C-alpha atoms as a PDB file:
ATOM      1  CA  PRO A   1       7.174  -3.284 -17.390  1.00  0.00           C
ATOM      2  CA  ARG A   2       7.548  -4.223 -13.734  1.00  0.00           C
ATOM      3  CA  HIS A   3      10.215  -2.424 -11.734  1.00  0.00           C
ATOM      4  CA  SER A   4      11.613  -3.110  -8.315  1.00  0.00           C
ATOM      5  CA  ALA A   5      10.657  -0.477  -5.763  1.00  0.00           C
ATOM      6  CA  SER A   6      14.227   0.726  -5.340  1.00  0.00           C
ATOM      7  CA  GLY A   7      14.868   0.649  -9.101  1.00  0.00           C
ATOM      8  CA  TYR A   8      11.777   2.720  -9.807  1.00  0.00           C
ATOM      9  CA  LEU A   9      12.619   5.148  -7.024  1.00  0.00           C
ATOM     10  CA  SER A  10      16.189   5.620  -8.234  1.00  0.00           C
ATOM     11  CA  ALA A  11      15.189   6.164 -11.863  1.00  0.00           C
ATOM     12  CA  ASP A  12      12.286   8.477 -11.046  1.00  0.00           C
ATOM     13  CA  LEU A  13      14.265  10.620  -8.625  1.00  0.00           C
ATOM     14  CA  ALA A  14      17.225  10.857 -11.000  1.00  0.00           C
ATOM     15  CA  ARG A  15      14.917  12.021 -13.800  1.00  0.00           C
ATOM     16  CA  ARG A  16      13.167  14.580 -11.585  1.00  0.00           C
ATOM     17  CA  ARG A  17      16.358  15.922 -10.007  1.00  0.00           C
ATOM     18  CA  ALA A  18      18.013  16.287 -13.413  1.00  0.00           C
ATOM     19  CA  ALA A  19      15.131  18.547 -14.468  1.00  0.00           C
ATOM     20  CA  VAL A  20      15.618  21.061 -11.634  1.00  0.00           C
ATOM     21  CA  ALA A  21      18.344  22.537  -9.499  1.00  0.00           C
ATOM     22  CA  ALA A  22      17.224  21.261  -6.103  1.00  0.00           C
ATOM     23  CA  PRO A  23      19.793  20.987  -3.326  1.00  0.00           C
ATOM     24  CA  ASP A  24      18.892  18.468  -0.644  1.00  0.00           C
ATOM     25  CA  PRO A  25      20.568  19.707   2.553  1.00  0.00           C
ATOM     26  CA  SER A  26      18.369  17.516   4.746  1.00  0.00           C
ATOM     27  CA  GLY A  27      19.353  14.320   2.906  1.00  0.00           C
ATOM     28  CA  THR A  28      15.730  13.293   2.245  1.00  0.00           C
ATOM     29  CA  TRP A  29      16.379  11.753  -1.168  1.00  0.00           C
ATOM     30  CA  ALA A  30      19.402   9.833   0.081  1.00  0.00           C
ATOM     31  CA  TRP A  31      17.307   8.511   2.991  1.00  0.00           C
ATOM     32  CA  LEU A  32      14.556   7.370   0.615  1.00  0.00           C
ATOM     33  CA  GLN A  33      17.075   5.535  -1.544  1.00  0.00           C
ATOM     34  CA  ARG A  34      18.712   3.855   1.474  1.00  0.00           C
ATOM     35  CA  THR A  35      15.430   2.723   3.007  1.00  0.00           C
ATOM     36  CA  ALA A  36      13.580   1.639  -0.158  1.00  0.00           C
ATOM     37  CA  THR A  37      13.202  -2.103  -0.383  1.00  0.00           C
ATOM     38  CA  ASP A  38      12.500  -4.512  -3.192  1.00  0.00           C
ATOM     39  CA  ASP A  39       9.689  -6.071  -1.140  1.00  0.00           C
ATOM     40  CA  VAL A  40       6.519  -5.672  -3.152  1.00  0.00           C
ATOM     41  CA  PRO A  41       3.089  -7.199  -2.670  1.00  0.00           C
ATOM     42  CA  THR A  42       2.374 -10.395  -4.567  1.00  0.00           C
ATOM     43  CA  ASP A  43      -0.859  -8.839  -5.815  1.00  0.00           C
ATOM     44  CA  ALA A  44      -0.687  -6.328  -8.639  1.00  0.00           C
ATOM     45  CA  VAL A  45      -0.887  -2.702  -7.530  1.00  0.00           C
ATOM     46  CA  LEU A  46      -1.540   0.501  -9.423  1.00  0.00           C
ATOM     47  CA  CYS A  47       1.053   3.263  -9.355  1.00  0.00           C
ATOM     48  CA  HIS A  48       0.185   6.580 -10.945  1.00  0.00           C
ATOM     49  CA  GLY A  49       3.872   7.382 -11.446  1.00  0.00           C
ATOM     50  CA  ASP A  50       3.818  10.731  -9.650  1.00  0.00           C
ATOM     51  CA  PHE A  51       6.220  10.166  -6.783  1.00  0.00           C
ATOM     52  CA  HIS A  52       7.125  13.393  -4.978  1.00  0.00           C
ATOM     53  CA  PRO A  53       7.192  14.611  -1.354  1.00  0.00           C
ATOM     54  CA  LEU A  54       3.598  15.891  -1.431  1.00  0.00           C
ATOM     55  CA  ASN A  55       2.439  12.324  -2.083  1.00  0.00           C
ATOM     56  CA  VAL A  56       4.043  11.024   1.124  1.00  0.00           C
ATOM     57  CA  LEU A  57       2.003  10.827   4.323  1.00  0.00           C
ATOM     58  CA  ALA A  58       3.789  10.685   7.677  1.00  0.00           C
ATOM     59  CA  ASP A  59       2.226   9.500  10.924  1.00  0.00           C
ATOM     60  CA  HIS A  60       3.249  10.676  14.399  1.00  0.00           C
ATOM     61  CA  ASP A  61       5.034   7.347  14.985  1.00  0.00           C
ATOM     62  CA  GLY A  62       7.302   7.928  11.972  1.00  0.00           C
ATOM     63  CA  SER A  63       5.599   5.497   9.621  1.00  0.00           C
ATOM     64  CA  LEU A  64       5.237   6.639   6.019  1.00  0.00           C
ATOM     65  CA  GLY A  65       2.641   5.973   3.374  1.00  0.00           C
ATOM     66  CA  LEU A  66       2.872   6.723  -0.318  1.00  0.00           C
ATOM     67  CA  VAL A  67      -0.207   7.963  -2.155  1.00  0.00           C
END
């Protein structure tokens, strides 16, 4: 099924955080949830369903890319 970006992010993070005791003192997860948008490309894209911080690339200008 198709999911909105923010819906997928919320569900995936909730599932992952429920599986571990992981405090988030820096507020990273809250920031991701606040800044996620429902804007998705009109073309189909492949998502391997393995969203976690090691699959995020950050550039020196602050832009982010998800692997």
